[in-house]
Amino acid sequence: MTDSGPNTGPGRSGTSFDFKPHAYDPAANPELFEGVLARRIVAFIIDLVIIAIPLIAASAFIFVFGLVTFGLGWLLFWLLSPISVIWALAYYGLTLGSPASATIGMRAMEIEMRTWYGAPAYFVLGAVHAVVFWISVSVLTPFILLVGFFNARGRLLHDIVVGTVLINAQARAATLRAHATG
């Protein structure tokens, strides 16, 4: 028995997909991608320090609290693992979901995250991006970072999976464009 409704037929599944082209072309706009991979590594280190400082402070507090309570306070160390995950997700989600679409480290390095079709990042995308990064690095080792050398946009494995691209911020791109033409 076959369906003969208006939405049936060869190639029709009742759903439609709007395929958008890539918003950023490295051949047409090389200034958007110039130096992003190296700056991205420095931005990651800055962000890692920003995430680690409150966790180190919490660890020191729990340690001292444990000394004062004769070891009873050290039971709070089990909270550090879930707190670190929540803090990292909140940090990446809030900073990437901000109007700048960049973490503090990325802002310092003048790069920003966009979806592959050009929209700014948002909270959930930033949090998912961080989760996919940490999972991919944990499972596949840092060799996933080599993917950036083999594509024109410098996208890493987790960028491709999540559908993001990191580009130079507009001010930096304009400066690079001016130096290239002048």
Protein backbone atom coordinates (compact mmCIF):
# COMPACT_ATOMS: atom_id res chain seq x y z
CA MET A 1 0.00 0.00 0.00
CA THR A 2 1.38 3.41 -0.91
CA ASP A 3 0.55 6.90 0.26
CA SER A 4 -0.74 9.29 -2.31
CA GLY A 5 -1.01 12.48 -0.25
CA PRO A 6 0.32 15.88 -1.31
CA ASN A 7 3.55 15.54 0.72
CA THR A 8 4.52 12.12 -0.54
CA GLY A 9 6.49 11.03 -3.51
CA PRO A 10 10.13 10.51 -4.36
CA GLY A 11 12.42 12.38 -1.99
CA ARG A 12 9.62 13.70 0.25
CA SER A 13 9.68 12.79 3.91
CA GLY A 14 7.33 15.42 5.28
CA THR A 15 10.21 17.46 6.68
CA SER A 16 12.19 20.22 5.13
CA PHE A 17 15.69 21.36 5.78
CA ASP A 18 16.98 24.81 5.02
CA PHE A 19 20.61 24.29 4.06
CA LYS A 20 22.55 27.48 4.62
CA PRO A 21 25.89 28.14 2.98
CA HIS A 22 29.01 28.79 5.06
CA ALA A 23 29.04 32.44 6.05
CA TYR A 24 32.80 32.78 6.19
CA ASP A 25 34.86 31.99 3.11
CA PRO A 26 38.61 31.76 3.79
CA ALA A 27 39.40 32.45 0.14
CA ALA A 28 37.31 35.64 0.00
CA ASN A 29 38.09 36.83 3.54
CA PRO A 30 41.47 35.44 4.65
CA GLU A 31 41.79 38.17 7.31
CA LEU A 32 39.03 36.46 9.32
CA PHE A 33 41.16 33.34 9.78
CA GLU A 34 44.71 34.73 9.88
CA GLY A 35 46.47 33.60 13.07
CA VAL A 36 43.30 32.31 14.73
CA LEU A 37 44.66 28.85 15.52
CA ALA A 38 47.68 30.14 17.46
CA ARG A 39 45.67 32.86 19.21
CA ARG A 40 43.10 30.25 20.13
CA ILE A 41 45.67 28.24 22.09
CA VAL A 42 46.67 31.31 24.11
CA ALA A 43 42.99 32.13 24.70
CA PHE A 44 42.42 28.60 25.99
CA ILE A 45 45.28 28.96 28.47
CA ILE A 46 43.89 32.29 29.71
CA ASP A 47 40.44 30.74 30.14
CA LEU A 48 41.91 27.72 31.92
CA VAL A 49 43.60 30.04 34.44
CA ILE A 50 40.35 31.98 34.94
CA ILE A 51 38.47 28.73 35.59
CA ALA A 52 41.19 27.33 37.87
CA ILE A 53 41.61 30.33 40.20
CA PRO A 54 38.23 30.01 41.99
CA LEU A 55 38.64 26.23 42.19
CA ILE A 56 42.09 26.58 43.76
CA ALA A 57 40.68 29.12 46.22
CA ALA A 58 37.84 26.71 47.11
CA SER A 59 40.35 23.89 47.59
CA ALA A 60 42.46 26.05 49.89
CA PHE A 61 39.38 27.03 51.89
CA ILE A 62 38.29 23.41 52.27
CA PHE A 63 41.80 22.41 53.32
CA VAL A 64 41.97 25.10 56.01
CA PHE A 65 38.41 24.34 57.08
CA GLY A 66 39.41 20.69 57.43
CA LEU A 67 42.31 21.65 59.67
CA VAL A 68 40.02 23.75 61.88
CA THR A 69 37.41 20.99 62.13
CA PHE A 70 39.99 18.24 62.76
CA GLY A 71 39.47 16.63 59.36
CA LEU A 72 35.68 16.77 59.24
CA GLY A 73 35.70 19.69 56.77
CA TRP A 74 37.73 17.67 54.30
CA LEU A 75 34.56 15.75 53.48
CA LEU A 76 33.66 18.78 51.38
CA PHE A 77 36.36 17.91 48.85
CA TRP A 78 33.87 15.65 47.06
CA LEU A 79 31.96 18.82 46.09
CA LEU A 80 34.89 20.16 44.05
CA SER A 81 34.28 17.84 41.11
CA PRO A 82 30.64 18.80 40.46
CA ILE A 83 31.35 22.43 41.30
CA SER A 84 34.19 22.53 38.75
CA VAL A 85 31.92 21.12 36.03
CA ILE A 86 29.12 23.58 36.84
CA TRP A 87 31.55 26.50 37.01
CA ALA A 88 33.19 25.62 33.67
CA LEU A 89 29.82 25.16 31.92
CA ALA A 90 28.53 28.43 33.34
CA TYR A 91 31.73 30.25 32.36
CA TYR A 92 31.73 29.02 28.77
CA GLY A 93 27.97 29.33 28.36
CA LEU A 94 27.75 32.86 29.76
CA THR A 95 30.82 34.24 28.05
CA LEU A 96 30.23 32.62 24.65
CA GLY A 97 26.54 33.50 24.90
CA SER A 98 27.34 37.15 25.56
CA PRO A 99 27.06 39.79 22.81
CA ALA A 100 30.82 39.41 22.18
CA SER A 101 30.42 35.65 21.47
CA ALA A 102 33.79 35.13 23.12
CA THR A 103 35.30 34.01 26.41
CA ILE A 104 37.54 36.41 28.29
CA GLY A 105 40.61 34.72 26.82
CA MET A 106 39.15 34.95 23.33
CA ARG A 107 38.39 38.65 23.84
CA ALA A 108 41.99 39.20 24.94
CA MET A 109 43.16 37.46 21.75
CA GLU A 110 40.56 39.27 19.60
CA ILE A 111 38.75 36.19 18.32
CA GLU A 112 35.08 35.27 18.49
CA MET A 113 32.86 32.26 17.92
CA ARG A 114 30.12 32.14 15.30
CA THR A 115 27.91 29.40 13.96
CA TRP A 116 29.02 28.10 10.57
CA TYR A 117 26.26 30.14 8.95
CA GLY A 118 27.27 33.38 10.71
CA ALA A 119 24.99 33.73 13.73
CA PRO A 120 26.51 34.69 17.09
CA ALA A 121 26.95 32.01 19.75
CA TYR A 122 24.42 31.55 22.54
CA PHE A 123 24.50 30.02 26.04
CA VAL A 124 23.59 26.43 25.14
CA LEU A 125 25.96 26.41 22.16
CA GLY A 126 28.81 27.64 24.37
CA ALA A 127 28.14 25.01 27.02
CA VAL A 128 27.77 22.20 24.46
CA HIS A 129 30.94 23.37 22.70
CA ALA A 130 32.87 23.06 25.97
CA VAL A 131 31.41 19.62 26.74
CA VAL A 132 32.18 18.26 23.27
CA PHE A 133 35.71 19.70 23.49
CA TRP A 134 36.47 18.08 26.84
CA ILE A 135 34.96 14.73 25.79
CA SER A 136 36.80 14.68 22.47
CA VAL A 137 40.12 15.56 24.09
CA SER A 138 39.57 12.95 26.80
CA VAL A 139 38.71 10.21 24.33
CA LEU A 140 40.84 11.07 21.31
CA THR A 141 43.77 12.80 23.03
CA PRO A 142 45.02 16.21 21.95
CA PHE A 143 45.59 14.88 18.42
CA ILE A 144 42.12 16.21 17.58
CA LEU A 145 43.77 19.62 17.52
CA LEU A 146 45.66 18.59 14.38
CA VAL A 147 42.38 18.75 12.43
CA GLY A 148 42.77 22.55 12.39
CA PHE A 149 45.81 22.30 10.14
CA PHE A 150 43.93 20.38 7.46
CA ASN A 151 40.96 22.66 6.75
CA ALA A 152 40.92 26.17 5.40
CA ARG A 153 38.83 27.61 8.23
CA GLY A 154 41.09 26.21 10.97
CA ARG A 155 38.15 24.45 12.58
CA LEU A 156 38.95 21.81 15.17
CA LEU A 157 37.10 18.52 15.51
CA HIS A 158 34.67 19.78 18.14
CA ASP A 159 33.96 22.91 16.06
CA ILE A 160 32.95 20.73 13.13
CA VAL A 161 30.76 18.49 15.31
CA VAL A 162 29.00 21.41 17.00
CA GLY A 163 28.83 23.60 13.89
CA THR A 164 30.94 26.57 14.94
CA VAL A 165 33.83 28.55 13.52
CA LEU A 166 36.27 30.86 15.28
CA ILE A 167 37.21 34.03 13.46
CA ASN A 168 39.13 37.20 14.18
CA ALA A 169 37.01 39.89 15.81
CA GLN A 170 35.76 42.56 13.43
CA ALA A 171 38.23 45.19 14.66
CA ARG A 172 41.22 42.86 14.21
CA ALA A 173 39.94 41.68 10.81
CA ALA A 174 39.59 45.30 9.66
CA THR A 175 43.15 46.04 10.77
CA LEU A 176 44.47 42.96 8.95
CA ARG A 177 42.46 43.90 5.86
CA ALA A 178 43.89 47.43 5.92
CA HIS A 179 47.44 46.13 6.21
CA ALA A 180 46.90 43.70 3.35
CA THR A 181 45.59 46.37 0.97
CA GLY A 182 47.88 49.17 2.06
